Amino acid sequence: MRTPVFAVLIAVSIVTGCASRGRQAPEPAREQIAVAGKADADRLWSVALKTVSVRFPVKSAQEAAGTIETDYLIGPLSETGFKVNVATGRDLAYDMLHTTRRRALVTVGRDGGTPLAVCVYRQRLVRPVQEALPAGTYSLDLTRGRDSALVKQRWVDEGRDGALERLIEREIAARYRAGAS
């Protein structure tokens, strides 16, 4: 009996995690926000804090240093509450197949330099063959078959999530320009 080619392609894409990226579109320009004076910088800080807290649970917010650091959010389906921490449908599909987590680090400049910098870091859980998922999470992860002797680091860095960074920057810029505080 011959296996249909389509079924083989589906199986290969699931096992490899749909890793084929194809051609990458050029990265769009980052949002530019003009901040003039302490009052504008304070307003930008407030807008950034409110915007980031919609997507991630805030771990620390140090206004004097101008940094907002969030906790990792395992997504998209978790007990941490409904927080949308994906920017594209492709990321959502990837997160459904793999147990991933993201955290954000936002810097609001106060010294006249870059007024806003958003960094979102993504990691994927690597777990031994028979180990269960973290409490409250759900995944269709079919790539979990790793020998426990080979699993040295639980969460593997997958780099930065540029699409989500740009989305958060656009949201902050839109709220700032609309006069939110």
C-alpha atoms as a PDB file:
ATOM      1  CA  MET A   1       0.000   0.000   0.000  1.00  0.00           C
ATOM      2  CA  ARG A   2       1.396   3.380  -0.988  1.00  0.00           C
ATOM      3  CA  THR A   3       1.241   6.369   1.314  1.00  0.00           C
ATOM      4  CA  PRO A   4      -0.172   9.456  -0.383  1.00  0.00           C
ATOM      5  CA  VAL A   5       2.411  12.179  -0.981  1.00  0.00           C
ATOM      6  CA  PHE A   6       0.219  14.736   0.755  1.00  0.00           C
ATOM      7  CA  ALA A   7       0.147  12.712   3.994  1.00  0.00           C
ATOM      8  CA  VAL A   8       3.940  12.396   3.918  1.00  0.00           C
ATOM      9  CA  LEU A   9       4.337  16.156   3.438  1.00  0.00           C
ATOM     10  CA  ILE A  10       2.018  16.878   6.357  1.00  0.00           C
ATOM     11  CA  ALA A  11       3.872  14.419   8.592  1.00  0.00           C
ATOM     12  CA  VAL A  12       7.261  15.905   7.665  1.00  0.00           C
ATOM     13  CA  SER A  13       6.075  19.470   8.329  1.00  0.00           C
ATOM     14  CA  ILE A  14       4.680  18.487  11.743  1.00  0.00           C
ATOM     15  CA  VAL A  15       7.833  16.627  12.761  1.00  0.00           C
ATOM     16  CA  THR A  16      10.145  19.434  11.633  1.00  0.00           C
ATOM     17  CA  GLY A  17       7.987  22.060  13.298  1.00  0.00           C
ATOM     18  CA  CYS A  18       7.147  23.858  10.074  1.00  0.00           C
ATOM     19  CA  ALA A  19      10.647  25.356  10.174  1.00  0.00           C
ATOM     20  CA  SER A  20      10.839  26.359   6.525  1.00  0.00           C
ATOM     21  CA  ARG A  21      10.895  30.144   6.494  1.00  0.00           C
ATOM     22  CA  GLY A  22      11.163  30.746   2.753  1.00  0.00           C
ATOM     23  CA  ARG A  23      11.984  34.280   1.667  1.00  0.00           C
ATOM     24  CA  GLN A  24      11.981  36.859   4.389  1.00  0.00           C
ATOM     25  CA  ALA A  25      10.437  40.229   3.627  1.00  0.00           C
ATOM     26  CA  PRO A  26      12.621  43.219   4.461  1.00  0.00           C
ATOM     27  CA  GLU A  27      12.084  44.423   8.009  1.00  0.00           C
ATOM     28  CA  PRO A  28       9.895  47.547   8.138  1.00  0.00           C
ATOM     29  CA  ALA A  29      11.248  50.688   9.738  1.00  0.00           C
ATOM     30  CA  ARG A  30      10.904  51.051  13.483  1.00  0.00           C
ATOM     31  CA  GLU A  31       8.478  53.589  14.951  1.00  0.00           C
ATOM     32  CA  GLN A  32       9.994  57.012  15.587  1.00  0.00           C
ATOM     33  CA  ILE A  33       8.588  58.917  18.542  1.00  0.00           C
ATOM     34  CA  ALA A  34       9.564  62.518  19.230  1.00  0.00           C
ATOM     35  CA  VAL A  35       9.915  63.250  22.938  1.00  0.00           C
ATOM     36  CA  ALA A  36      10.550  66.844  23.981  1.00  0.00           C
ATOM     37  CA  GLY A  37      11.138  67.331  27.673  1.00  0.00           C
ATOM     38  CA  LYS A  38      10.466  65.541  30.910  1.00  0.00           C
ATOM     39  CA  ALA A  39       6.662  65.787  30.691  1.00  0.00           C
ATOM     40  CA  ASP A  40       6.637  63.991  27.325  1.00  0.00           C
ATOM     41  CA  ALA A  41       9.075  61.358  28.604  1.00  0.00           C
ATOM     42  CA  ASP A  42       6.854  60.761  31.650  1.00  0.00           C
ATOM     43  CA  ARG A  43       3.792  60.421  29.426  1.00  0.00           C
ATOM     44  CA  LEU A  44       5.626  58.008  27.104  1.00  0.00           C
ATOM     45  CA  TRP A  45       6.639  55.944  30.163  1.00  0.00           C
ATOM     46  CA  SER A  46       3.036  55.752  31.349  1.00  0.00           C
ATOM     47  CA  VAL A  47       1.724  54.801  27.890  1.00  0.00           C
ATOM     48  CA  ALA A  48       4.442  52.152  27.444  1.00  0.00           C
ATOM     49  CA  LEU A  49       3.708  50.601  30.850  1.00  0.00           C
ATOM     50  CA  LYS A  50      -0.037  50.403  30.176  1.00  0.00           C
ATOM     51  CA  THR A  51       0.453  49.015  26.661  1.00  0.00           C
ATOM     52  CA  VAL A  52       2.957  46.328  27.673  1.00  0.00           C
ATOM     53  CA  SER A  53       0.816  45.232  30.638  1.00  0.00           C
ATOM     54  CA  VAL A  54      -1.988  44.339  28.206  1.00  0.00           C
ATOM     55  CA  ARG A  55       0.227  41.704  26.570  1.00  0.00           C
ATOM     56  CA  PHE A  56       2.516  40.560  29.404  1.00  0.00           C
ATOM     57  CA  PRO A  57       2.487  40.400  33.211  1.00  0.00           C
ATOM     58  CA  VAL A  58       4.865  43.127  34.370  1.00  0.00           C
ATOM     59  CA  LYS A  59       7.656  41.841  36.624  1.00  0.00           C
ATOM     60  CA  SER A  60       9.344  45.162  37.359  1.00  0.00           C
ATOM     61  CA  ALA A  61       8.882  48.744  36.250  1.00  0.00           C
ATOM     62  CA  GLN A  62      11.667  51.133  37.200  1.00  0.00           C
ATOM     63  CA  GLU A  63      10.686  54.603  36.094  1.00  0.00           C
ATOM     64  CA  ALA A  64      13.983  56.221  37.111  1.00  0.00           C
ATOM     65  CA  ALA A  65      15.944  53.758  34.969  1.00  0.00           C
ATOM     66  CA  GLY A  66      13.285  53.789  32.236  1.00  0.00           C
ATOM     67  CA  THR A  67      12.946  49.999  32.052  1.00  0.00           C
ATOM     68  CA  ILE A  68       9.929  47.718  32.040  1.00  0.00           C
ATOM     69  CA  GLU A  69      10.657  44.011  32.407  1.00  0.00           C
ATOM     70  CA  THR A  70       7.971  41.375  32.118  1.00  0.00           C
ATOM     71  CA  ASP A  71       7.688  37.823  33.347  1.00  0.00           C
ATOM     72  CA  TYR A  72       7.774  35.019  30.832  1.00  0.00           C
ATOM     73  CA  LEU A  73       4.357  34.244  29.438  1.00  0.00           C
ATOM     74  CA  ILE A  74       3.750  30.717  28.220  1.00  0.00           C
ATOM     75  CA  GLY A  75       1.331  30.868  25.376  1.00  0.00           C
ATOM     76  CA  PRO A  76      -0.995  30.996  23.730  1.00  0.00           C
ATOM     77  CA  LEU A  77      -3.131  28.821  26.051  1.00  0.00           C
ATOM     78  CA  SER A  78      -2.110  29.061  29.699  1.00  0.00           C
ATOM     79  CA  GLU A  79      -3.450  29.725  33.189  1.00  0.00           C
ATOM     80  CA  THR A  80      -1.692  33.088  33.339  1.00  0.00           C
ATOM     81  CA  GLY A  81      -4.766  34.779  31.936  1.00  0.00           C
ATOM     82  CA  PHE A  82      -5.630  35.700  28.399  1.00  0.00           C
ATOM     83  CA  LYS A  83      -2.767  37.803  27.107  1.00  0.00           C
ATOM     84  CA  VAL A  84      -2.136  37.998  23.384  1.00  0.00           C
ATOM     85  CA  ASN A  85       1.594  37.615  22.935  1.00  0.00           C
ATOM     86  CA  VAL A  86       1.777  36.683  19.265  1.00  0.00           C
ATOM     87  CA  ALA A  87       1.785  39.074  16.317  1.00  0.00           C
ATOM     88  CA  THR A  88       1.074  36.812  13.360  1.00  0.00           C
ATOM     89  CA  GLY A  89      -1.044  33.794  12.542  1.00  0.00           C
ATOM     90  CA  ARG A  90       2.153  31.893  11.778  1.00  0.00           C
ATOM     91  CA  ASP A  91       3.414  32.545  15.316  1.00  0.00           C
ATOM     92  CA  LEU A  92       0.084  31.401  16.739  1.00  0.00           C
ATOM     93  CA  ALA A  93       0.254  28.157  14.762  1.00  0.00           C
ATOM     94  CA  TYR A  94       3.858  27.612  15.869  1.00  0.00           C
ATOM     95  CA  ASP A  95       2.902  28.199  19.504  1.00  0.00           C
ATOM     96  CA  MET A  96       0.105  25.651  19.213  1.00  0.00           C
ATOM     97  CA  LEU A  97       2.593  23.014  18.047  1.00  0.00           C
ATOM     98  CA  HIS A  98       5.400  23.902  20.463  1.00  0.00           C
ATOM     99  CA  THR A  99       5.445  24.970  24.079  1.00  0.00           C
ATOM    100  CA  THR A 100       6.917  28.472  23.871  1.00  0.00           C
ATOM    101  CA  ARG A 101       7.247  31.451  26.139  1.00  0.00           C
ATOM    102  CA  ARG A 102       8.066  35.117  25.604  1.00  0.00           C
ATOM    103  CA  ARG A 103       9.142  38.030  27.733  1.00  0.00           C
ATOM    104  CA  ALA A 104       9.536  41.689  26.933  1.00  0.00           C
ATOM    105  CA  LEU A 105      12.081  44.288  27.945  1.00  0.00           C
ATOM    106  CA  VAL A 106      11.054  47.858  27.155  1.00  0.00           C
ATOM    107  CA  THR A 107      13.357  50.823  27.589  1.00  0.00           C
ATOM    108  CA  VAL A 108      12.033  54.371  27.602  1.00  0.00           C
ATOM    109  CA  GLY A 109      14.910  56.802  27.084  1.00  0.00           C
ATOM    110  CA  ARG A 110      15.089  59.840  29.286  1.00  0.00           C
ATOM    111  CA  ASP A 111      18.424  61.297  28.204  1.00  0.00           C
ATOM    112  CA  GLY A 112      17.537  62.472  24.709  1.00  0.00           C
ATOM    113  CA  GLY A 113      18.730  59.275  23.006  1.00  0.00           C
ATOM    114  CA  THR A 114      16.414  56.655  21.574  1.00  0.00           C
ATOM    115  CA  PRO A 115      13.062  57.346  23.236  1.00  0.00           C
ATOM    116  CA  LEU A 116      11.731  53.777  22.950  1.00  0.00           C
ATOM    117  CA  ALA A 117      13.259  50.321  22.528  1.00  0.00           C
ATOM    118  CA  VAL A 118      11.223  47.106  22.676  1.00  0.00           C
ATOM    119  CA  CYS A 119      12.857  43.664  22.854  1.00  0.00           C
ATOM    120  CA  VAL A 120      10.779  40.472  22.958  1.00  0.00           C
ATOM    121  CA  TYR A 121      12.636  37.225  23.603  1.00  0.00           C
ATOM    122  CA  ARG A 122      11.172  33.830  22.675  1.00  0.00           C
ATOM    123  CA  GLN A 123      12.109  30.410  24.069  1.00  0.00           C
ATOM    124  CA  ARG A 124      10.894  26.866  23.378  1.00  0.00           C
ATOM    125  CA  LEU A 125      10.568  24.125  25.995  1.00  0.00           C
ATOM    126  CA  VAL A 126      12.606  20.990  25.450  1.00  0.00           C
ATOM    127  CA  ARG A 127      11.446  18.124  27.586  1.00  0.00           C
ATOM    128  CA  PRO A 128      12.312  14.474  27.967  1.00  0.00           C
ATOM    129  CA  VAL A 129      10.101  11.844  26.371  1.00  0.00           C
ATOM    130  CA  GLN A 130       7.888  10.990  29.349  1.00  0.00           C
ATOM    131  CA  GLU A 131       7.779  14.348  31.138  1.00  0.00           C
ATOM    132  CA  ALA A 132       4.481  16.229  31.405  1.00  0.00           C
ATOM    133  CA  LEU A 133       3.910  19.836  30.393  1.00  0.00           C
ATOM    134  CA  PRO A 134       4.121  22.648  32.973  1.00  0.00           C
ATOM    135  CA  ALA A 135       0.914  23.059  34.980  1.00  0.00           C
ATOM    136  CA  GLY A 136      -1.877  24.833  33.145  1.00  0.00           C
ATOM    137  CA  THR A 137      -0.397  24.624  29.658  1.00  0.00           C
ATOM    138  CA  TYR A 138      -1.551  22.915  26.525  1.00  0.00           C
ATOM    139  CA  SER A 139       0.454  21.962  23.473  1.00  0.00           C
ATOM    140  CA  LEU A 140       0.233  19.772  20.423  1.00  0.00           C
ATOM    141  CA  ASP A 141       4.045  19.520  20.514  1.00  0.00           C
ATOM    142  CA  LEU A 142       5.063  16.484  18.502  1.00  0.00           C
ATOM    143  CA  THR A 143       8.799  17.179  18.704  1.00  0.00           C
ATOM    144  CA  ARG A 144       9.197  16.374  22.388  1.00  0.00           C
ATOM    145  CA  GLY A 145      10.990  13.017  22.045  1.00  0.00           C
ATOM    146  CA  ARG A 146      14.355  13.971  23.508  1.00  0.00           C
ATOM    147  CA  ASP A 147      16.548  11.741  25.617  1.00  0.00           C
ATOM    148  CA  SER A 148      16.664  13.120  29.172  1.00  0.00           C
ATOM    149  CA  ALA A 149      20.460  12.769  29.184  1.00  0.00           C
ATOM    150  CA  LEU A 150      20.636  15.227  26.274  1.00  0.00           C
ATOM    151  CA  VAL A 151      18.332  17.831  27.806  1.00  0.00           C
ATOM    152  CA  LYS A 152      20.706  20.156  29.622  1.00  0.00           C
ATOM    153  CA  GLN A 153      18.779  23.393  29.358  1.00  0.00           C
ATOM    154  CA  ARG A 154      14.998  23.287  29.715  1.00  0.00           C
ATOM    155  CA  TRP A 155      14.174  26.378  27.667  1.00  0.00           C
ATOM    156  CA  VAL A 156      16.042  26.907  24.408  1.00  0.00           C
ATOM    157  CA  ASP A 157      16.441  30.456  23.106  1.00  0.00           C
ATOM    158  CA  GLU A 158      14.841  31.052  19.731  1.00  0.00           C
ATOM    159  CA  GLY A 159      15.970  34.658  19.475  1.00  0.00           C
ATOM    160  CA  ARG A 160      13.931  37.802  19.351  1.00  0.00           C
ATOM    161  CA  ASP A 161      10.390  38.125  18.048  1.00  0.00           C
ATOM    162  CA  GLY A 162      10.735  41.082  15.686  1.00  0.00           C
ATOM    163  CA  ALA A 163       7.113  41.028  14.533  1.00  0.00           C
ATOM    164  CA  LEU A 164       5.800  41.332  18.088  1.00  0.00           C
ATOM    165  CA  GLU A 165       8.388  44.021  18.903  1.00  0.00           C
ATOM    166  CA  ARG A 166       7.208  46.141  15.965  1.00  0.00           C
ATOM    167  CA  LEU A 167       3.543  45.556  16.880  1.00  0.00           C
ATOM    168  CA  ILE A 168       4.096  46.706  20.471  1.00  0.00           C
ATOM    169  CA  GLU A 169       6.075  49.747  19.258  1.00  0.00           C
ATOM    170  CA  ARG A 170       3.216  50.668  16.887  1.00  0.00           C
ATOM    171  CA  GLU A 171       0.660  50.294  19.690  1.00  0.00           C
ATOM    172  CA  ILE A 172       2.700  52.481  22.059  1.00  0.00           C
ATOM    173  CA  ALA A 173       3.266  55.112  19.336  1.00  0.00           C
ATOM    174  CA  ALA A 174      -0.419  55.192  18.383  1.00  0.00           C
ATOM    175  CA  ARG A 175      -1.546  55.638  22.000  1.00  0.00           C
ATOM    176  CA  TYR A 176       1.142  58.253  22.650  1.00  0.00           C
ATOM    177  CA  ARG A 177       0.231  60.257  19.537  1.00  0.00           C
ATOM    178  CA  ALA A 178      -3.474  60.010  20.410  1.00  0.00           C
ATOM    179  CA  GLY A 179      -2.720  61.853  23.642  1.00  0.00           C
ATOM    180  CA  ALA A 180      -3.091  58.958  26.095  1.00  0.00           C
ATOM    181  CA  SER A 181      -1.289  59.166  29.397  1.00  0.00           C
END
